[in-house]
Amino acid sequence: MAVFAALAPVKLVIVVDEDIDVFDDEMVGWAVATRFQADRDLLVIPRTRSGGLDPSAEGGATAKLVVDATVPAEKRQSHARMRSTTTGSARLSELMDQLEPTHA
C-alpha cells in the first residue's frame, strides 16, 4: 500500500517472493502464471488518489490493483522453478541430431 501512497500514478503492483527477480519480466510473468489465483490473490482498491495525467480518473480518484504472486512458505518447494541441466542450445542440438538423417 505504501507504493500507492508514495507514487500516485502507479495503478498496478505485483507482489512476488524473493526467488523472483523483479527486474526480469519473464520471471515475474512466470510467478503470476504459476502462483496467482484471481479469486483469492487479487485486491482492488477503489477511489484512491490518481496521477494528474490519468484520463480514466474521475475527480482525481482511480482504482488500483494488487496481484499477489507469492507462495506460502510451506508450499514453496512445490512451486520452485524447474532448472535444466543443459543449455537450450545444447539440448536443441541433440534433438536436431536425432531428427536429421545420416548421410553415408
PDB file of N, CA and C in Angstrom:
ATOM      1  N   MET A   1       0.816  -1.188   0.000  1.00  0.00           N
ATOM      2  CA  MET A   1       0.000   0.000   0.000  1.00  0.00           C
ATOM      3  C   MET A   1       0.864   1.259   0.000  1.00  0.00           C
ATOM      4  N   ALA A   2       2.058   1.150   0.556  1.00  0.00           N
ATOM      5  CA  ALA A   2       2.948   2.306   0.610  1.00  0.00           C
ATOM      6  C   ALA A   2       3.316   2.792  -0.784  1.00  0.00           C
ATOM      7  N   VAL A   3       3.423   1.868  -1.737  1.00  0.00           N
ATOM      8  CA  VAL A   3       3.750   2.253  -3.110  1.00  0.00           C
ATOM      9  C   VAL A   3       2.675   3.183  -3.653  1.00  0.00           C
ATOM     10  N   PHE A   4       1.418   2.834  -3.444  1.00  0.00           N
ATOM     11  CA  PHE A   4       0.326   3.649  -3.953  1.00  0.00           C
ATOM     12  C   PHE A   4       0.304   5.026  -3.295  1.00  0.00           C
ATOM     13  N   ALA A   5       0.631   5.084  -2.011  1.00  0.00           N
ATOM     14  CA  ALA A   5       0.640   6.360  -1.308  1.00  0.00           C
ATOM     15  C   ALA A   5       1.792   7.247  -1.780  1.00  0.00           C
ATOM     16  N   ALA A   6       2.936   6.630  -2.033  1.00  0.00           N
ATOM     17  CA  ALA A   6       4.115   7.397  -2.427  1.00  0.00           C
ATOM     18  C   ALA A   6       4.101   7.790  -3.898  1.00  0.00           C
ATOM     19  N   LEU A   7       3.519   6.941  -4.733  1.00  0.00           N
ATOM     20  CA  LEU A   7       3.533   7.169  -6.180  1.00  0.00           C
ATOM     21  C   LEU A   7       2.110   7.119  -6.724  1.00  0.00           C
ATOM     22  N   ALA A   8       1.462   8.263  -6.776  1.00  0.00           N
ATOM     23  CA  ALA A   8       0.067   8.318  -7.201  1.00  0.00           C
ATOM     24  C   ALA A   8      -0.183   7.725  -8.588  1.00  0.00           C
ATOM     25  N   PRO A   9       0.705   7.875  -9.578  1.00  0.00           N
ATOM     26  CA  PRO A   9       0.414   7.322 -10.911  1.00  0.00           C
ATOM     27  C   PRO A   9       0.426   5.794 -10.973  1.00  0.00           C
ATOM     28  N   VAL A  10       1.024   5.118  -9.992  1.00  0.00           N
ATOM     29  CA  VAL A  10       1.101   3.656 -10.011  1.00  0.00           C
ATOM     30  C   VAL A  10      -0.299   3.079  -9.811  1.00  0.00           C
ATOM     31  N   LYS A  11      -0.716   2.212 -10.757  1.00  0.00           N
ATOM     32  CA  LYS A  11      -2.048   1.613 -10.673  1.00  0.00           C
ATOM     33  C   LYS A  11      -2.012   0.102 -10.498  1.00  0.00           C
ATOM     34  N   LEU A  12      -0.844  -0.489 -10.682  1.00  0.00           N
ATOM     35  CA  LEU A  12      -0.709  -1.940 -10.578  1.00  0.00           C
ATOM     36  C   LEU A  12       0.561  -2.289  -9.827  1.00  0.00           C
ATOM     37  N   VAL A  13       0.425  -3.168  -8.824  1.00  0.00           N
ATOM     38  CA  VAL A  13       1.573  -3.701  -8.094  1.00  0.00           C
ATOM     39  C   VAL A  13       1.468  -5.214  -8.124  1.00  0.00           C
ATOM     40  N   ILE A  14       2.572  -5.861  -8.493  1.00  0.00           N
ATOM     41  CA  ILE A  14       2.642  -7.320  -8.460  1.00  0.00           C
ATOM     42  C   ILE A  14       3.624  -7.689  -7.364  1.00  0.00           C
ATOM     43  N   VAL A  15       3.151  -8.430  -6.380  1.00  0.00           N
ATOM     44  CA  VAL A  15       3.978  -8.844  -5.253  1.00  0.00           C
ATOM     45  C   VAL A  15       4.496 -10.248  -5.534  1.00  0.00           C
ATOM     46  N   VAL A  16       5.836 -10.429  -5.435  1.00  0.00           N
ATOM     47  CA  VAL A  16       6.460 -11.728  -5.685  1.00  0.00           C
ATOM     48  C   VAL A  16       7.367 -12.101  -4.525  1.00  0.00           C
ATOM     49  N   ASP A  17       7.748 -13.377  -4.473  1.00  0.00           N
ATOM     50  CA  ASP A  17       8.671 -13.854  -3.450  1.00  0.00           C
ATOM     51  C   ASP A  17      10.107 -13.472  -3.807  1.00  0.00           C
ATOM     52  N   GLU A  18      11.002 -13.669  -2.842  1.00  0.00           N
ATOM     53  CA  GLU A  18      12.404 -13.288  -3.037  1.00  0.00           C
ATOM     54  C   GLU A  18      13.135 -14.132  -4.080  1.00  0.00           C
ATOM     55  N   ASP A  19      12.564 -15.263  -4.472  1.00  0.00           N
ATOM     56  CA  ASP A  19      13.218 -16.076  -5.501  1.00  0.00           C
ATOM     57  C   ASP A  19      12.935 -15.564  -6.917  1.00  0.00           C
ATOM     58  N   ILE A  20      12.139 -14.528  -7.032  1.00  0.00           N
ATOM     59  CA  ILE A  20      11.796 -13.944  -8.322  1.00  0.00           C
ATOM     60  C   ILE A  20      12.561 -12.639  -8.498  1.00  0.00           C
ATOM     61  N   ASP A  21      13.247 -12.501  -9.627  1.00  0.00           N
ATOM     62  CA  ASP A  21      13.973 -11.273  -9.956  1.00  0.00           C
ATOM     63  C   ASP A  21      12.962 -10.267 -10.485  1.00  0.00           C
ATOM     64  N   VAL A  22      12.706  -9.207  -9.727  1.00  0.00           N
ATOM     65  CA  VAL A  22      11.679  -8.239 -10.104  1.00  0.00           C
ATOM     66  C   VAL A  22      12.047  -7.453 -11.359  1.00  0.00           C
ATOM     67  N   PHE A  23      13.297  -7.517 -11.779  1.00  0.00           N
ATOM     68  CA  PHE A  23      13.733  -6.822 -12.995  1.00  0.00           C
ATOM     69  C   PHE A  23      13.644  -7.719 -14.226  1.00  0.00           C
ATOM     70  N   ASP A  24      13.214  -8.957 -14.047  1.00  0.00           N
ATOM     71  CA  ASP A  24      13.092  -9.922 -15.142  1.00  0.00           C
ATOM     72  C   ASP A  24      11.608 -10.157 -15.420  1.00  0.00           C
ATOM     73  N   ASP A  25      11.106  -9.538 -16.488  1.00  0.00           N
ATOM     74  CA  ASP A  25       9.679  -9.644 -16.807  1.00  0.00           C
ATOM     75  C   ASP A  25       9.230 -11.089 -16.985  1.00  0.00           C
ATOM     76  N   GLU A  26      10.093 -11.923 -17.546  1.00  0.00           N
ATOM     77  CA  GLU A  26       9.736 -13.325 -17.745  1.00  0.00           C
ATOM     78  C   GLU A  26       9.526 -14.039 -16.410  1.00  0.00           C
ATOM     79  N   MET A  27      10.393 -13.768 -15.445  1.00  0.00           N
ATOM     80  CA  MET A  27      10.249 -14.394 -14.127  1.00  0.00           C
ATOM     81  C   MET A  27       8.994 -13.897 -13.414  1.00  0.00           C
ATOM     82  N   VAL A  28       8.716 -12.602 -13.509  1.00  0.00           N
ATOM     83  CA  VAL A  28       7.514 -12.055 -12.886  1.00  0.00           C
ATOM     84  C   VAL A  28       6.275 -12.659 -13.539  1.00  0.00           C
ATOM     85  N   GLY A  29       6.280 -12.759 -14.857  1.00  0.00           N
ATOM     86  CA  GLY A  29       5.168 -13.385 -15.574  1.00  0.00           C
ATOM     87  C   GLY A  29       4.987 -14.836 -15.177  1.00  0.00           C
ATOM     88  N   TRP A  30       6.112 -15.551 -15.003  1.00  0.00           N
ATOM     89  CA  TRP A  30       6.044 -16.950 -14.571  1.00  0.00           C
ATOM     90  C   TRP A  30       5.420 -17.045 -13.178  1.00  0.00           C
ATOM     91  N   ALA A  31       5.807 -16.135 -12.290  1.00  0.00           N
ATOM     92  CA  ALA A  31       5.251 -16.146 -10.927  1.00  0.00           C
ATOM     93  C   ALA A  31       3.741 -15.914 -10.971  1.00  0.00           C
ATOM     94  N   VAL A  32       3.292 -14.971 -11.792  1.00  0.00           N
ATOM     95  CA  VAL A  32       1.854 -14.711 -11.903  1.00  0.00           C
ATOM     96  C   VAL A  32       1.144 -15.936 -12.478  1.00  0.00           C
ATOM     97  N   ALA A  33       1.733 -16.535 -13.516  1.00  0.00           N
ATOM     98  CA  ALA A  33       1.096 -17.679 -14.174  1.00  0.00           C
ATOM     99  C   ALA A  33       1.010 -18.912 -13.275  1.00  0.00           C
ATOM    100  N   THR A  34       1.969 -19.088 -12.370  1.00  0.00           N
ATOM    101  CA  THR A  34       2.016 -20.321 -11.585  1.00  0.00           C
ATOM    102  C   THR A  34       1.643 -20.156 -10.112  1.00  0.00           C
ATOM    103  N   ARG A  35       1.567 -18.922  -9.626  1.00  0.00           N
ATOM    104  CA  ARG A  35       1.329 -18.711  -8.200  1.00  0.00           C
ATOM    105  C   ARG A  35       0.086 -17.883  -7.883  1.00  0.00           C
ATOM    106  N   PHE A  36      -0.510 -17.294  -8.868  1.00  0.00           N
ATOM    107  CA  PHE A  36      -1.629 -16.366  -8.678  1.00  0.00           C
ATOM    108  C   PHE A  36      -2.953 -17.016  -9.058  1.00  0.00           C
ATOM    109  N   GLN A  37      -3.950 -16.853  -8.212  1.00  0.00           N
ATOM    110  CA  GLN A  37      -5.326 -17.267  -8.498  1.00  0.00           C
ATOM    111  C   GLN A  37      -6.210 -16.041  -8.286  1.00  0.00           C
ATOM    112  N   ALA A  38      -6.910 -15.623  -9.329  1.00  0.00           N
ATOM    113  CA  ALA A  38      -7.666 -14.371  -9.281  1.00  0.00           C
ATOM    114  C   ALA A  38      -8.732 -14.336  -8.197  1.00  0.00           C
ATOM    115  N   ASP A  39      -9.302 -15.479  -7.862  1.00  0.00           N
ATOM    116  CA  ASP A  39     -10.366 -15.470  -6.852  1.00  0.00           C
ATOM    117  C   ASP A  39      -9.852 -15.283  -5.429  1.00  0.00           C
ATOM    118  N   ARG A  40      -8.549 -15.440  -5.206  1.00  0.00           N
ATOM    119  CA  ARG A  40      -8.030 -15.263  -3.841  1.00  0.00           C
ATOM    120  C   ARG A  40      -6.838 -14.317  -3.752  1.00  0.00           C
ATOM    121  N   ASP A  41      -6.167 -14.027  -4.862  1.00  0.00           N
ATOM    122  CA  ASP A  41      -4.911 -13.269  -4.824  1.00  0.00           C
ATOM    123  C   ASP A  41      -4.984 -11.916  -5.513  1.00  0.00           C
ATOM    124  N   LEU A  42      -6.165 -11.369  -5.646  1.00  0.00           N
ATOM    125  CA  LEU A  42      -6.368 -10.101  -6.338  1.00  0.00           C
ATOM    126  C   LEU A  42      -7.034  -9.116  -5.381  1.00  0.00           C
ATOM    127  N   LEU A  43      -6.480  -7.930  -5.307  1.00  0.00           N
ATOM    128  CA  LEU A  43      -7.044  -6.898  -4.447  1.00  0.00           C
ATOM    129  C   LEU A  43      -7.258  -5.642  -5.277  1.00  0.00           C
ATOM    130  N   VAL A  44      -8.483  -5.154  -5.302  1.00  0.00           N
ATOM    131  CA  VAL A  44      -8.813  -3.905  -5.975  1.00  0.00           C
ATOM    132  C   VAL A  44      -9.050  -2.857  -4.903  1.00  0.00           C
ATOM    133  N   ILE A  45      -8.355  -1.739  -5.023  1.00  0.00           N
ATOM    134  CA  ILE A  45      -8.500  -0.645  -4.071  1.00  0.00           C
ATOM    135  C   ILE A  45      -9.229   0.493  -4.784  1.00  0.00           C
ATOM    136  N   PRO A  46     -10.498   0.686  -4.496  1.00  0.00           N
ATOM    137  CA  PRO A  46     -11.276   1.714  -5.205  1.00  0.00           C
ATOM    138  C   PRO A  46     -11.000   3.122  -4.678  1.00  0.00           C
ATOM    139  N   ARG A  47     -11.268   4.090  -5.524  1.00  0.00           N
ATOM    140  CA  ARG A  47     -11.256   5.504  -5.154  1.00  0.00           C
ATOM    141  C   ARG A  47      -9.993   5.952  -4.413  1.00  0.00           C
ATOM    142  N   THR A  48      -8.842   5.746  -5.034  1.00  0.00           N
ATOM    143  CA  THR A  48      -7.590   6.230  -4.462  1.00  0.00           C
ATOM    144  C   THR A  48      -7.092   7.408  -5.286  1.00  0.00           C
ATOM    145  N   ARG A  49      -6.146   8.132  -4.731  1.00  0.00           N
ATOM    146  CA  ARG A  49      -5.589   9.311  -5.414  1.00  0.00           C
ATOM    147  C   ARG A  49      -4.904   8.869  -6.702  1.00  0.00           C
ATOM    148  N   SER A  50      -5.175   9.579  -7.768  1.00  0.00           N
ATOM    149  CA  SER A  50      -4.571   9.222  -9.053  1.00  0.00           C
ATOM    150  C   SER A  50      -3.516  10.243  -9.448  1.00  0.00           C
ATOM    151  N   GLY A  51      -2.729   9.866 -10.451  1.00  0.00           N
ATOM    152  CA  GLY A  51      -1.793  10.825 -11.020  1.00  0.00           C
ATOM    153  C   GLY A  51      -2.567  11.826 -11.858  1.00  0.00           C
ATOM    154  N   GLY A  52      -2.055  13.013 -11.988  1.00  0.00           N
ATOM    155  CA  GLY A  52      -2.753  14.064 -12.714  1.00  0.00           C
ATOM    156  C   GLY A  52      -2.919  13.805 -14.200  1.00  0.00           C
ATOM    157  N   LEU A  53      -2.165  12.880 -14.755  1.00  0.00           N
ATOM    158  CA  LEU A  53      -2.224  12.622 -16.191  1.00  0.00           C
ATOM    159  C   LEU A  53      -3.090  11.424 -16.561  1.00  0.00           C
ATOM    160  N   ASP A  54      -3.853  10.903 -15.630  1.00  0.00           N
ATOM    161  CA  ASP A  54      -4.679   9.721 -15.878  1.00  0.00           C
ATOM    162  C   ASP A  54      -6.049  10.135 -16.405  1.00  0.00           C
ATOM    163  N   PRO A  55      -6.293   9.964 -17.715  1.00  0.00           N
ATOM    164  CA  PRO A  55      -7.577  10.394 -18.264  1.00  0.00           C
ATOM    165  C   PRO A  55      -8.750   9.515 -17.820  1.00  0.00           C
ATOM    166  N   SER A  56      -8.468   8.345 -17.273  1.00  0.00           N
ATOM    167  CA  SER A  56      -9.556   7.472 -16.821  1.00  0.00           C
ATOM    168  C   SER A  56     -10.012   7.807 -15.399  1.00  0.00           C
ATOM    169  N   ALA A  57      -9.250   8.639 -14.700  1.00  0.00           N
ATOM    170  CA  ALA A  57      -9.601   9.006 -13.324  1.00  0.00           C
ATOM    171  C   ALA A  57     -10.833   9.912 -13.318  1.00  0.00           C
ATOM    172  N   GLU A  58     -11.631   9.751 -12.300  1.00  0.00           N
ATOM    173  CA  GLU A  58     -12.833  10.577 -12.141  1.00  0.00           C
ATOM    174  C   GLU A  58     -12.696  11.414 -10.884  1.00  0.00           C
ATOM    175  N   GLY A  59     -12.604  12.708 -11.060  1.00  0.00           N
ATOM    176  CA  GLY A  59     -12.475  13.600  -9.914  1.00  0.00           C
ATOM    177  C   GLY A  59     -11.179  13.399  -9.152  1.00  0.00           C
ATOM    178  N   GLY A  60     -10.111  13.000  -9.840  1.00  0.00           N
ATOM    179  CA  GLY A  60      -8.824  12.794  -9.191  1.00  0.00           C
ATOM    180  C   GLY A  60      -8.686  11.469  -8.474  1.00  0.00           C
ATOM    181  N   ALA A  61      -9.684  10.586  -8.632  1.00  0.00           N
ATOM    182  CA  ALA A  61      -9.629   9.280  -7.964  1.00  0.00           C
ATOM    183  C   ALA A  61      -9.660   8.159  -8.994  1.00  0.00           C
ATOM    184  N   THR A  62      -8.992   7.080  -8.680  1.00  0.00           N
ATOM    185  CA  THR A  62      -8.932   5.919  -9.568  1.00  0.00           C
ATOM    186  C   THR A  62      -8.897   4.653  -8.728  1.00  0.00           C
ATOM    187  N   ALA A  63      -9.102   3.526  -9.361  1.00  0.00           N
ATOM    188  CA  ALA A  63      -8.951   2.238  -8.675  1.00  0.00           C
ATOM    189  C   ALA A  63      -7.542   1.715  -8.935  1.00  0.00           C
ATOM    190  N   LYS A  64      -7.010   0.984  -7.981  1.00  0.00           N
ATOM    191  CA  LYS A  64      -5.674   0.406  -8.119  1.00  0.00           C
ATOM    192  C   LYS A  64      -5.755  -1.091  -7.861  1.00  0.00           C
ATOM    193  N   LEU A  65      -4.763  -1.809  -8.379  1.00  0.00           N
ATOM    194  CA  LEU A  65      -4.811  -3.266  -8.379  1.00  0.00           C
ATOM    195  C   LEU A  65      -3.538  -3.855  -7.784  1.00  0.00           C
ATOM    196  N   VAL A  66      -3.711  -4.841  -6.892  1.00  0.00           N
ATOM    197  CA  VAL A  66      -2.588  -5.596  -6.324  1.00  0.00           C
ATOM    198  C   VAL A  66      -2.751  -7.052  -6.735  1.00  0.00           C
ATOM    199  N   VAL A  67      -1.698  -7.617  -7.329  1.00  0.00           N
ATOM    200  CA  VAL A  67      -1.658  -9.028  -7.701  1.00  0.00           C
ATOM    201  C   VAL A  67      -0.662  -9.705  -6.763  1.00  0.00           C
ATOM    202  N   ASP A  68      -1.150 -10.655  -5.985  1.00  0.00           N
ATOM    203  CA  ASP A  68      -0.294 -11.383  -5.048  1.00  0.00           C
ATOM    204  C   ASP A  68       0.175 -12.672  -5.715  1.00  0.00           C
ATOM    205  N   ALA A  69       1.426 -12.668  -6.188  1.00  0.00           N
ATOM    206  CA  ALA A  69       2.009 -13.842  -6.846  1.00  0.00           C
ATOM    207  C   ALA A  69       3.041 -14.487  -5.932  1.00  0.00           C
ATOM    208  N   THR A  70       2.694 -14.591  -4.650  1.00  0.00           N
ATOM    209  CA  THR A  70       3.588 -15.219  -3.670  1.00  0.00           C
ATOM    210  C   THR A  70       3.050 -16.594  -3.300  1.00  0.00           C
ATOM    211  N   VAL A  71       3.897 -17.361  -2.655  1.00  0.00           N
ATOM    212  CA  VAL A  71       3.537 -18.712  -2.221  1.00  0.00           C
ATOM    213  C   VAL A  71       3.780 -18.807  -0.717  1.00  0.00           C
ATOM    214  N   PRO A  72       2.858 -19.411   0.032  1.00  0.00           N
ATOM    215  CA  PRO A  72       3.135 -19.626   1.456  1.00  0.00           C
ATOM    216  C   PRO A  72       4.408 -20.455   1.623  1.00  0.00           C
ATOM    217  N   ALA A  73       5.165 -20.190   2.662  1.00  0.00           N
ATOM    218  CA  ALA A  73       6.463 -20.853   2.873  1.00  0.00           C
ATOM    219  C   ALA A  73       6.348 -22.372   2.840  1.00  0.00           C
ATOM    220  N   GLU A  74       5.281 -22.923   3.392  1.00  0.00           N
ATOM    221  CA  GLU A  74       5.142 -24.389   3.439  1.00  0.00           C
ATOM    222  C   GLU A  74       4.868 -24.999   2.064  1.00  0.00           C
ATOM    223  N   LYS A  75       4.502 -24.199   1.087  1.00  0.00           N
ATOM    224  CA  LYS A  75       4.251 -24.701  -0.265  1.00  0.00           C
ATOM    225  C   LYS A  75       5.346 -24.301  -1.256  1.00  0.00           C
ATOM    226  N   ARG A  76       6.377 -23.651  -0.775  1.00  0.00           N
ATOM    227  CA  ARG A  76       7.423 -23.102  -1.653  1.00  0.00           C
ATOM    228  C   ARG A  76       8.077 -24.169  -2.518  1.00  0.00           C
ATOM    229  N   GLN A  77       8.352 -25.344  -1.971  1.00  0.00           N
ATOM    230  CA  GLN A  77       9.039 -26.394  -2.738  1.00  0.00           C
ATOM    231  C   GLN A  77       8.217 -26.847  -3.945  1.00  0.00           C
ATOM    232  N   SER A  78       6.910 -26.924  -3.788  1.00  0.00           N
ATOM    233  CA  SER A  78       6.068 -27.379  -4.898  1.00  0.00           C
ATOM    234  C   SER A  78       5.911 -26.317  -5.989  1.00  0.00           C
ATOM    235  N   HIS A  79       6.347 -25.105  -5.713  1.00  0.00           N
ATOM    236  CA  HIS A  79       6.257 -24.024  -6.697  1.00  0.00           C
ATOM    237  C   HIS A  79       7.625 -23.569  -7.189  1.00  0.00           C
ATOM    238  N   ALA A  80       8.651 -24.342  -6.925  1.00  0.00           N
ATOM    239  CA  ALA A  80      10.004 -23.954  -7.328  1.00  0.00           C
ATOM    240  C   ALA A  80      10.128 -23.997  -8.847  1.00  0.00           C
ATOM    241  N   ARG A  81      10.938 -23.101  -9.369  1.00  0.00           N
ATOM    242  CA  ARG A  81      11.188 -23.087 -10.809  1.00  0.00           C
ATOM    243  C   ARG A  81      12.009 -24.305 -11.183  1.00  0.00           C
ATOM    244  N   MET A  82      11.647 -24.920 -12.275  1.00  0.00           N
ATOM    245  CA  MET A  82      12.412 -26.073 -12.761  1.00  0.00           C
ATOM    246  C   MET A  82      13.688 -25.567 -13.413  1.00  0.00           C
ATOM    247  N   ARG A  83      14.759 -26.268 -13.188  1.00  0.00           N
ATOM    248  CA  ARG A  83      16.048 -25.897 -13.775  1.00  0.00           C
ATOM    249  C   ARG A  83      16.499 -26.990 -14.735  1.00  0.00           C
ATOM    250  N   SER A  84      17.053 -26.607 -15.830  1.00  0.00           N
ATOM    251  CA  SER A  84      17.579 -27.556 -16.805  1.00  0.00           C
ATOM    252  C   SER A  84      19.074 -27.722 -16.574  1.00  0.00           C
ATOM    253  N   THR A  85      19.565 -28.937 -16.731  1.00  0.00           N
ATOM    254  CA  THR A  85      20.995 -29.175 -16.546  1.00  0.00           C
ATOM    255  C   THR A  85      21.770 -28.897 -17.834  1.00  0.00           C
ATOM    256  N   THR A  86      21.075 -28.782 -18.946  1.00  0.00           N
ATOM    257  CA  THR A  86      21.741 -28.448 -20.211  1.00  0.00           C
ATOM    258  C   THR A  86      21.233 -27.110 -20.701  1.00  0.00           C
ATOM    259  N   THR A  87      22.041 -26.461 -21.483  1.00  0.00           N
ATOM    260  CA  THR A  87      21.596 -25.195 -22.046  1.00  0.00           C
ATOM    261  C   THR A  87      20.599 -25.471 -23.155  1.00  0.00           C
ATOM    262  N   GLY A  88      19.782 -24.502 -23.463  1.00  0.00           N
ATOM    263  CA  GLY A  88      18.785 -24.664 -24.506  1.00  0.00           C
ATOM    264  C   GLY A  88      19.408 -25.039 -25.836  1.00  0.00           C
ATOM    265  N   SER A  89      20.529 -24.424 -26.203  1.00  0.00           N
ATOM    266  CA  SER A  89      21.142 -24.708 -27.496  1.00  0.00           C
ATOM    267  C   SER A  89      21.746 -26.110 -27.523  1.00  0.00           C
ATOM    268  N   ALA A  90      22.285 -26.580 -26.389  1.00  0.00           N
ATOM    269  CA  ALA A  90      22.850 -27.927 -26.357  1.00  0.00           C
ATOM    270  C   ALA A  90      21.745 -28.960 -26.512  1.00  0.00           C
ATOM    271  N   ARG A  91      20.648 -28.745 -25.847  1.00  0.00           N
ATOM    272  CA  ARG A  91      19.526 -29.676 -25.934  1.00  0.00           C
ATOM    273  C   ARG A  91      18.945 -29.669 -27.341  1.00  0.00           C
ATOM    274  N   LEU A  92      18.811 -28.502 -27.944  1.00  0.00           N
ATOM    275  CA  LEU A  92      18.288 -28.397 -29.296  1.00  0.00           C
ATOM    276  C   LEU A  92      19.207 -29.118 -30.272  1.00  0.00           C
ATOM    277  N   SER A  93      20.494 -28.984 -30.093  1.00  0.00           N
ATOM    278  CA  SER A  93      21.462 -29.653 -30.958  1.00  0.00           C
ATOM    279  C   SER A  93      21.297 -31.170 -30.880  1.00  0.00           C
ATOM    280  N   GLU A  94      21.109 -31.685 -29.679  1.00  0.00           N
ATOM    281  CA  GLU A  94      20.901 -33.131 -29.505  1.00  0.00           C
ATOM    282  C   GLU A  94      19.637 -33.593 -30.235  1.00  0.00           C
ATOM    283  N   LEU A  95      18.580 -32.824 -30.108  1.00  0.00           N
ATOM    284  CA  LEU A  95      17.329 -33.185 -30.773  1.00  0.00           C
ATOM    285  C   LEU A  95      17.464 -33.128 -32.292  1.00  0.00           C
ATOM    286  N   MET A  96      18.135 -32.119 -32.782  1.00  0.00           N
ATOM    287  CA  MET A  96      18.328 -31.990 -34.241  1.00  0.00           C
ATOM    288  C   MET A  96      19.138 -33.152 -34.783  1.00  0.00           C
ATOM    289  N   ASP A  97      20.151 -33.609 -34.037  1.00  0.00           N
ATOM    290  CA  ASP A  97      20.950 -34.756 -34.464  1.00  0.00           C
ATOM    291  C   ASP A  97      20.076 -36.005 -34.601  1.00  0.00           C
ATOM    292  N   GLN A  98      19.095 -36.127 -33.722  1.00  0.00           N
ATOM    293  CA  GLN A  98      18.203 -37.292 -33.775  1.00  0.00           C
ATOM    294  C   GLN A  98      17.238 -37.200 -34.964  1.00  0.00           C
ATOM    295  N   LEU A  99      16.893 -36.025 -35.385  1.00  0.00           N
ATOM    296  CA  LEU A  99      15.927 -35.849 -36.455  1.00  0.00           C
ATOM    297  C   LEU A  99      16.546 -35.908 -37.853  1.00  0.00           C
ATOM    298  N   GLU A 100      17.771 -35.450 -37.965  1.00  0.00           N
ATOM    299  CA  GLU A 100      18.406 -35.401 -39.279  1.00  0.00           C
ATOM    300  C   GLU A 100      18.878 -36.786 -39.711  1.00  0.00           C
ATOM    301  N   PRO A 101      18.568 -37.150 -40.970  1.00  0.00           N
ATOM    302  CA  PRO A 101      19.051 -38.451 -41.456  1.00  0.00           C
ATOM    303  C   PRO A 101      20.560 -38.411 -41.648  1.00  0.00           C
ATOM    304  N   THR A 102      21.199 -39.509 -41.390  1.00  0.00           N
ATOM    305  CA  THR A 102      22.645 -39.573 -41.601  1.00  0.00           C
ATOM    306  C   THR A 102      22.918 -39.885 -43.057  1.00  0.00           C
ATOM    307  N   HIS A 103      23.931 -39.264 -43.604  1.00  0.00           N
ATOM    308  CA  HIS A 103      24.312 -39.484 -44.991  1.00  0.00           C
ATOM    309  C   HIS A 103      25.544 -40.370 -45.033  1.00  0.00           C
ATOM    310  N   ALA A 104      25.497 -41.469 -45.779  1.00  0.00           N
ATOM    311  CA  ALA A 104      26.635 -42.399 -45.853  1.00  0.00           C
ATOM    312  C   ALA A 104      27.492 -42.117 -47.040  1.00  0.00           C
TER     313      ALA A 104
END
